[in-house]
């Protein structure tokens, strides 16, 4: 028959505490990679907010079905009218900082555009009130630089060219003013131009 010495009995609580501590460390060590994996898991759905010239401000839903492809669609405004747009981005590099290739198309619904006189090389005048229900479509191609493409939140800057097709349904007052001849009449006026495009924005992924 053996009995524990007082010194050995005194060690039992410390041994027990050490065992619990080692067990907690083992659990934390096992759980940490799993948590890190959850944080690094790719998110595919989010929101995009951007602003630029010439097409104004846009808010879009974003879906990223694969690491190299991103789709977006949503409403836009240029402070004069409301529009809709859709586009895609190709991300050839799955890195924190990466280039992008972007294509976007949009439509602005009819509104009054006194600023359209700038397109025609005219100063604003009383005839600007006749510029109503002006619509335009556009297609933009751009190259971009993105920071944080593998993160939940990322910034981007896109620079490219935009092809714009604008329609003035009743340009007669403008033409009469320009020609100083009230007998002149005209059908719808179509203006097409290719202009520089720049856009700055960010994306937040939720799921």
C-alpha atoms as a PDB file:
ATOM      1  CA  UNK A   1       0.000   0.000   0.000  1.00  0.00           C
ATOM      2  CA  UNK A   2       1.403   3.384  -0.993  1.00  0.00           C
ATOM      3  CA  UNK A   3       0.440   6.893  -0.042  1.00  0.00           C
ATOM      4  CA  UNK A   4       1.012  10.144  -1.871  1.00  0.00           C
ATOM      5  CA  UNK A   5       3.515  12.373  -0.260  1.00  0.00           C
ATOM      6  CA  UNK A   6       2.410  15.921   0.579  1.00  0.00           C
ATOM      7  CA  UNK A   7       4.699  17.297  -2.129  1.00  0.00           C
ATOM      8  CA  UNK A   8       3.120  15.060  -4.780  1.00  0.00           C
ATOM      9  CA  UNK A   9      -0.371  16.026  -3.629  1.00  0.00           C
ATOM     10  CA  UNK A  10       0.553  19.647  -3.917  1.00  0.00           C
ATOM     11  CA  UNK A  11       1.601  19.039  -7.555  1.00  0.00           C
ATOM     12  CA  UNK A  12      -1.789  17.588  -8.549  1.00  0.00           C
ATOM     13  CA  UNK A  13      -3.593  20.948  -8.880  1.00  0.00           C
ATOM     14  CA  UNK A  14      -0.759  22.415 -10.941  1.00  0.00           C
ATOM     15  CA  UNK A  15      -0.635  19.329 -13.171  1.00  0.00           C
ATOM     16  CA  UNK A  16      -4.396  19.507 -13.633  1.00  0.00           C
ATOM     17  CA  UNK A  17      -4.224  23.217 -14.506  1.00  0.00           C
ATOM     18  CA  UNK A  18      -1.422  22.574 -16.949  1.00  0.00           C
ATOM     19  CA  UNK A  19      -3.440  19.826 -18.622  1.00  0.00           C
ATOM     20  CA  UNK A  20      -6.488  22.089 -19.003  1.00  0.00           C
ATOM     21  CA  UNK A  21      -4.327  24.873 -20.436  1.00  0.00           C
ATOM     22  CA  UNK A  22      -2.708  22.492 -22.929  1.00  0.00           C
ATOM     23  CA  UNK A  23      -6.151  21.229 -23.925  1.00  0.00           C
ATOM     24  CA  UNK A  24      -7.411  24.781 -24.535  1.00  0.00           C
ATOM     25  CA  UNK A  25      -4.348  25.551 -26.613  1.00  0.00           C
ATOM     26  CA  UNK A  26      -4.917  22.408 -28.647  1.00  0.00           C
ATOM     27  CA  UNK A  27      -8.559  23.398 -29.274  1.00  0.00           C
ATOM     28  CA  UNK A  28      -7.546  26.925 -30.255  1.00  0.00           C
ATOM     29  CA  UNK A  29      -4.846  25.576 -32.502  1.00  0.00           C
ATOM     30  CA  UNK A  30      -7.377  23.355 -34.246  1.00  0.00           C
ATOM     31  CA  UNK A  31     -10.037  26.055 -34.556  1.00  0.00           C
ATOM     32  CA  UNK A  32      -7.804  28.865 -35.802  1.00  0.00           C
ATOM     33  CA  UNK A  33      -7.138  27.365 -39.286  1.00  0.00           C
ATOM     34  CA  UNK A  34     -10.871  26.738 -39.700  1.00  0.00           C
ATOM     35  CA  UNK A  35     -11.683  30.341 -38.803  1.00  0.00           C
ATOM     36  CA  UNK A  36      -8.981  31.590 -41.119  1.00  0.00           C
ATOM     37  CA  UNK A  37     -10.373  29.409 -43.878  1.00  0.00           C
ATOM     38  CA  UNK A  38     -13.822  30.933 -43.335  1.00  0.00           C
ATOM     39  CA  UNK A  39     -12.354  34.450 -43.509  1.00  0.00           C
ATOM     40  CA  UNK A  40     -10.503  33.600 -46.716  1.00  0.00           C
ATOM     41  CA  UNK A  41     -13.473  31.908 -48.354  1.00  0.00           C
ATOM     42  CA  UNK A  42     -14.379  33.728 -51.587  1.00  0.00           C
ATOM     43  CA  UNK A  43     -17.408  35.992 -51.521  1.00  0.00           C
ATOM     44  CA  UNK A  44     -19.452  36.133 -54.705  1.00  0.00           C
ATOM     45  CA  UNK A  45     -22.258  38.687 -54.148  1.00  0.00           C
ATOM     46  CA  UNK A  46     -21.976  42.348 -53.235  1.00  0.00           C
ATOM     47  CA  UNK A  47     -22.638  45.987 -54.101  1.00  0.00           C
ATOM     48  CA  UNK A  48     -20.685  48.355 -56.342  1.00  0.00           C
ATOM     49  CA  UNK A  49     -20.692  52.148 -56.065  1.00  0.00           C
ATOM     50  CA  UNK A  50     -18.821  54.338 -58.542  1.00  0.00           C
ATOM     51  CA  UNK A  51     -18.640  57.841 -59.949  1.00  0.00           C
ATOM     52  CA  UNK A  52     -17.019  59.167 -63.092  1.00  0.00           C
ATOM     53  CA  UNK A  53     -17.254  61.030 -66.342  1.00  0.00           C
ATOM     54  CA  UNK A  54     -19.224  61.202 -68.546  1.00  0.00           C
ATOM     55  CA  UNK A  55     -21.859  58.845 -67.152  1.00  0.00           C
ATOM     56  CA  UNK A  56     -22.247  60.015 -63.557  1.00  0.00           C
ATOM     57  CA  UNK A  57     -22.918  57.909 -60.482  1.00  0.00           C
ATOM     58  CA  UNK A  58     -23.975  54.277 -60.385  1.00  0.00           C
ATOM     59  CA  UNK A  59     -25.005  51.663 -57.833  1.00  0.00           C
ATOM     60  CA  UNK A  60     -24.970  48.046 -58.957  1.00  0.00           C
ATOM     61  CA  UNK A  61     -25.482  44.555 -57.677  1.00  0.00           C
ATOM     62  CA  UNK A  62     -22.356  42.458 -58.225  1.00  0.00           C
ATOM     63  CA  UNK A  63     -22.015  38.743 -58.859  1.00  0.00           C
ATOM     64  CA  UNK A  64     -18.643  37.058 -59.235  1.00  0.00           C
ATOM     65  CA  UNK A  65     -19.304  33.517 -60.497  1.00  0.00           C
ATOM     66  CA  UNK A  66     -15.592  32.755 -60.883  1.00  0.00           C
ATOM     67  CA  UNK A  67     -12.352  34.356 -59.718  1.00  0.00           C
ATOM     68  CA  UNK A  68     -11.708  35.838 -63.160  1.00  0.00           C
ATOM     69  CA  UNK A  69     -15.206  37.102 -64.058  1.00  0.00           C
ATOM     70  CA  UNK A  70     -17.409  39.729 -62.411  1.00  0.00           C
ATOM     71  CA  UNK A  71     -20.887  40.834 -63.544  1.00  0.00           C
ATOM     72  CA  UNK A  72     -22.823  43.912 -62.444  1.00  0.00           C
ATOM     73  CA  UNK A  73     -26.100  45.702 -63.164  1.00  0.00           C
ATOM     74  CA  UNK A  74     -28.057  48.557 -61.618  1.00  0.00           C
ATOM     75  CA  UNK A  75     -29.342  52.150 -61.810  1.00  0.00           C
ATOM     76  CA  UNK A  76     -27.321  55.266 -62.677  1.00  0.00           C
ATOM     77  CA  UNK A  77     -27.783  59.027 -62.630  1.00  0.00           C
ATOM     78  CA  UNK A  78     -25.969  61.935 -64.280  1.00  0.00           C
ATOM     79  CA  UNK A  79     -27.889  64.512 -62.157  1.00  0.00           C
ATOM     80  CA  UNK A  80     -30.160  65.238 -65.159  1.00  0.00           C
ATOM     81  CA  UNK A  81     -31.657  61.835 -65.819  1.00  0.00           C
ATOM     82  CA  UNK A  82     -31.986  58.293 -64.511  1.00  0.00           C
ATOM     83  CA  UNK A  83     -30.586  55.320 -66.379  1.00  0.00           C
ATOM     84  CA  UNK A  84     -29.720  51.652 -66.167  1.00  0.00           C
ATOM     85  CA  UNK A  85     -26.532  49.794 -66.990  1.00  0.00           C
ATOM     86  CA  UNK A  86     -24.897  46.406 -67.047  1.00  0.00           C
ATOM     87  CA  UNK A  87     -21.386  45.195 -67.585  1.00  0.00           C
ATOM     88  CA  UNK A  88     -18.655  42.692 -66.934  1.00  0.00           C
ATOM     89  CA  UNK A  89     -15.073  42.726 -65.775  1.00  0.00           C
ATOM     90  CA  UNK A  90     -12.373  40.191 -66.564  1.00  0.00           C
ATOM     91  CA  UNK A  91      -9.742  39.797 -63.839  1.00  0.00           C
ATOM     92  CA  UNK A  92      -6.804  37.921 -65.355  1.00  0.00           C
ATOM     93  CA  UNK A  93      -4.806  37.853 -62.093  1.00  0.00           C
ATOM     94  CA  UNK A  94      -6.184  36.598 -58.781  1.00  0.00           C
ATOM     95  CA  UNK A  95      -3.956  38.827 -56.645  1.00  0.00           C
ATOM     96  CA  UNK A  96      -4.448  41.611 -54.110  1.00  0.00           C
ATOM     97  CA  UNK A  97      -3.524  44.231 -56.737  1.00  0.00           C
ATOM     98  CA  UNK A  98      -4.637  43.279 -60.227  1.00  0.00           C
ATOM     99  CA  UNK A  99      -5.516  44.722 -63.640  1.00  0.00           C
ATOM    100  CA  UNK A 100      -8.990  44.434 -65.102  1.00  0.00           C
ATOM    101  CA  UNK A 101     -10.618  44.541 -68.532  1.00  0.00           C
ATOM    102  CA  UNK A 102     -14.068  46.100 -68.420  1.00  0.00           C
ATOM    103  CA  UNK A 103     -17.038  46.440 -70.778  1.00  0.00           C
ATOM    104  CA  UNK A 104     -20.226  48.288 -69.867  1.00  0.00           C
ATOM    105  CA  UNK A 105     -23.381  49.353 -71.647  1.00  0.00           C
ATOM    106  CA  UNK A 106     -26.119  51.667 -70.463  1.00  0.00           C
ATOM    107  CA  UNK A 107     -29.173  53.717 -71.319  1.00  0.00           C
ATOM    108  CA  UNK A 108     -30.376  57.071 -69.973  1.00  0.00           C
ATOM    109  CA  UNK A 109     -34.099  57.734 -70.132  1.00  0.00           C
ATOM    110  CA  UNK A 110     -35.673  60.880 -71.529  1.00  0.00           C
ATOM    111  CA  UNK A 111     -35.055  64.116 -69.683  1.00  0.00           C
ATOM    112  CA  UNK A 112     -34.394  67.799 -70.274  1.00  0.00           C
ATOM    113  CA  UNK A 113     -30.778  68.433 -71.262  1.00  0.00           C
ATOM    114  CA  UNK A 114     -29.843  72.082 -71.550  1.00  0.00           C
ATOM    115  CA  UNK A 115     -26.207  70.965 -71.393  1.00  0.00           C
ATOM    116  CA  UNK A 116     -26.644  69.205 -74.734  1.00  0.00           C
ATOM    117  CA  UNK A 117     -26.004  72.619 -76.295  1.00  0.00           C
ATOM    118  CA  UNK A 118     -22.355  72.149 -75.411  1.00  0.00           C
ATOM    119  CA  UNK A 119     -22.338  69.086 -77.657  1.00  0.00           C
ATOM    120  CA  UNK A 120     -23.666  71.233 -80.474  1.00  0.00           C
ATOM    121  CA  UNK A 121     -21.221  74.081 -79.862  1.00  0.00           C
ATOM    122  CA  UNK A 122     -23.958  76.504 -78.796  1.00  0.00           C
ATOM    123  CA  UNK A 123     -24.299  78.680 -75.731  1.00  0.00           C
ATOM    124  CA  UNK A 124     -27.411  78.118 -73.572  1.00  0.00           C
ATOM    125  CA  UNK A 125     -30.388  80.227 -74.625  1.00  0.00           C
ATOM    126  CA  UNK A 126     -34.166  80.242 -74.384  1.00  0.00           C
ATOM    127  CA  UNK A 127     -34.254  77.377 -76.858  1.00  0.00           C
ATOM    128  CA  UNK A 128     -32.700  75.112 -74.241  1.00  0.00           C
ATOM    129  CA  UNK A 129     -36.213  74.596 -72.845  1.00  0.00           C
ATOM    130  CA  UNK A 130     -37.079  72.776 -76.041  1.00  0.00           C
ATOM    131  CA  UNK A 131     -34.499  70.076 -75.366  1.00  0.00           C
ATOM    132  CA  UNK A 132     -36.806  67.559 -73.736  1.00  0.00           C
ATOM    133  CA  UNK A 133     -37.035  63.785 -73.718  1.00  0.00           C
ATOM    134  CA  UNK A 134     -33.390  63.505 -74.696  1.00  0.00           C
ATOM    135  CA  UNK A 135     -32.130  59.929 -74.417  1.00  0.00           C
ATOM    136  CA  UNK A 136     -28.761  58.371 -74.933  1.00  0.00           C
ATOM    137  CA  UNK A 137     -27.114  54.985 -75.045  1.00  0.00           C
ATOM    138  CA  UNK A 138     -23.477  54.210 -74.443  1.00  0.00           C
ATOM    139  CA  UNK A 139     -20.925  51.447 -74.563  1.00  0.00           C
ATOM    140  CA  UNK A 140     -17.669  51.793 -72.656  1.00  0.00           C
ATOM    141  CA  UNK A 141     -14.480  49.773 -72.827  1.00  0.00           C
ATOM    142  CA  UNK A 142     -11.795  50.383 -70.236  1.00  0.00           C
ATOM    143  CA  UNK A 143      -8.708  49.079 -68.497  1.00  0.00           C
ATOM    144  CA  UNK A 144      -8.604  49.197 -64.728  1.00  0.00           C
ATOM    145  CA  UNK A 145      -6.443  48.752 -61.676  1.00  0.00           C
ATOM    146  CA  UNK A 146      -8.004  47.112 -58.634  1.00  0.00           C
ATOM    147  CA  UNK A 147      -6.744  46.968 -55.058  1.00  0.00           C
ATOM    148  CA  UNK A 148      -8.128  44.238 -52.837  1.00  0.00           C
ATOM    149  CA  UNK A 149      -9.534  41.911 -55.478  1.00  0.00           C
ATOM    150  CA  UNK A 150      -9.260  38.940 -53.102  1.00  0.00           C
ATOM    151  CA  UNK A 151     -10.735  40.845 -50.158  1.00  0.00           C
ATOM    152  CA  UNK A 152     -14.201  41.618 -48.950  1.00  0.00           C
ATOM    153  CA  UNK A 153     -13.712  45.285 -49.887  1.00  0.00           C
ATOM    154  CA  UNK A 154     -11.811  46.640 -52.883  1.00  0.00           C
ATOM    155  CA  UNK A 155     -11.199  49.869 -54.805  1.00  0.00           C
ATOM    156  CA  UNK A 156     -10.839  50.306 -58.561  1.00  0.00           C
ATOM    157  CA  UNK A 157      -9.929  52.931 -61.139  1.00  0.00           C
ATOM    158  CA  UNK A 158     -10.981  52.468 -64.781  1.00  0.00           C
ATOM    159  CA  UNK A 159      -9.842  54.539 -67.768  1.00  0.00           C
ATOM    160  CA  UNK A 160     -11.053  54.015 -71.337  1.00  0.00           C
ATOM    161  CA  UNK A 161     -13.261  55.201 -74.178  1.00  0.00           C
ATOM    162  CA  UNK A 162     -17.028  55.536 -74.354  1.00  0.00           C
ATOM    163  CA  UNK A 163     -19.155  55.494 -77.513  1.00  0.00           C
ATOM    164  CA  UNK A 164     -22.260  57.622 -76.988  1.00  0.00           C
ATOM    165  CA  UNK A 165     -25.374  57.798 -79.178  1.00  0.00           C
ATOM    166  CA  UNK A 166     -27.645  60.684 -78.158  1.00  0.00           C
ATOM    167  CA  UNK A 167     -31.062  61.540 -79.610  1.00  0.00           C
ATOM    168  CA  UNK A 168     -32.834  64.909 -79.474  1.00  0.00           C
ATOM    169  CA  UNK A 169     -36.443  64.214 -80.558  1.00  0.00           C
ATOM    170  CA  UNK A 170     -37.338  67.807 -81.495  1.00  0.00           C
ATOM    171  CA  UNK A 171     -34.275  69.936 -82.337  1.00  0.00           C
ATOM    172  CA  UNK A 172     -36.217  72.456 -84.466  1.00  0.00           C
ATOM    173  CA  UNK A 173     -35.953  75.388 -81.997  1.00  0.00           C
ATOM    174  CA  UNK A 174     -32.218  74.855 -81.743  1.00  0.00           C
ATOM    175  CA  UNK A 175     -31.726  74.796 -85.492  1.00  0.00           C
ATOM    176  CA  UNK A 176     -33.961  77.825 -85.989  1.00  0.00           C
ATOM    177  CA  UNK A 177     -31.942  79.708 -83.404  1.00  0.00           C
ATOM    178  CA  UNK A 178     -28.664  78.673 -84.995  1.00  0.00           C
ATOM    179  CA  UNK A 179     -29.815  79.539 -88.519  1.00  0.00           C
ATOM    180  CA  UNK A 180     -31.794  82.613 -87.428  1.00  0.00           C
ATOM    181  CA  UNK A 181     -34.597  81.321 -89.629  1.00  0.00           C
ATOM    182  CA  UNK A 182     -37.946  80.334 -88.140  1.00  0.00           C
ATOM    183  CA  UNK A 183     -38.967  78.530 -91.319  1.00  0.00           C
ATOM    184  CA  UNK A 184     -36.437  75.736 -90.782  1.00  0.00           C
ATOM    185  CA  UNK A 185     -37.757  72.471 -89.437  1.00  0.00           C
ATOM    186  CA  UNK A 186     -36.065  69.221 -88.567  1.00  0.00           C
ATOM    187  CA  UNK A 187     -36.740  65.670 -87.580  1.00  0.00           C
ATOM    188  CA  UNK A 188     -35.009  63.938 -84.648  1.00  0.00           C
ATOM    189  CA  UNK A 189     -31.354  64.830 -84.248  1.00  0.00           C
ATOM    190  CA  UNK A 190     -28.859  62.017 -83.617  1.00  0.00           C
ATOM    191  CA  UNK A 191     -25.447  62.815 -82.149  1.00  0.00           C
ATOM    192  CA  UNK A 192     -22.737  60.172 -81.938  1.00  0.00           C
ATOM    193  CA  UNK A 193     -19.328  60.601 -80.381  1.00  0.00           C
ATOM    194  CA  UNK A 194     -16.436  58.677 -78.887  1.00  0.00           C
ATOM    195  CA  UNK A 195     -15.128  60.349 -75.745  1.00  0.00           C
ATOM    196  CA  UNK A 196     -12.726  59.528 -72.890  1.00  0.00           C
ATOM    197  CA  UNK A 197     -14.155  57.791 -69.848  1.00  0.00           C
ATOM    198  CA  UNK A 198     -12.862  57.591 -66.287  1.00  0.00           C
ATOM    199  CA  UNK A 199     -14.423  55.941 -63.262  1.00  0.00           C
ATOM    200  CA  UNK A 200     -13.476  55.516 -59.590  1.00  0.00           C
ATOM    201  CA  UNK A 201     -15.338  53.241 -57.228  1.00  0.00           C
ATOM    202  CA  UNK A 202     -15.396  50.448 -54.702  1.00  0.00           C
ATOM    203  CA  UNK A 203     -17.055  47.078 -54.144  1.00  0.00           C
ATOM    204  CA  UNK A 204     -18.217  45.464 -50.913  1.00  0.00           C
ATOM    205  CA  UNK A 205     -18.866  41.703 -50.922  1.00  0.00           C
ATOM    206  CA  UNK A 206     -21.416  40.328 -48.468  1.00  0.00           C
ATOM    207  CA  UNK A 207     -21.822  36.663 -49.401  1.00  0.00           C
END
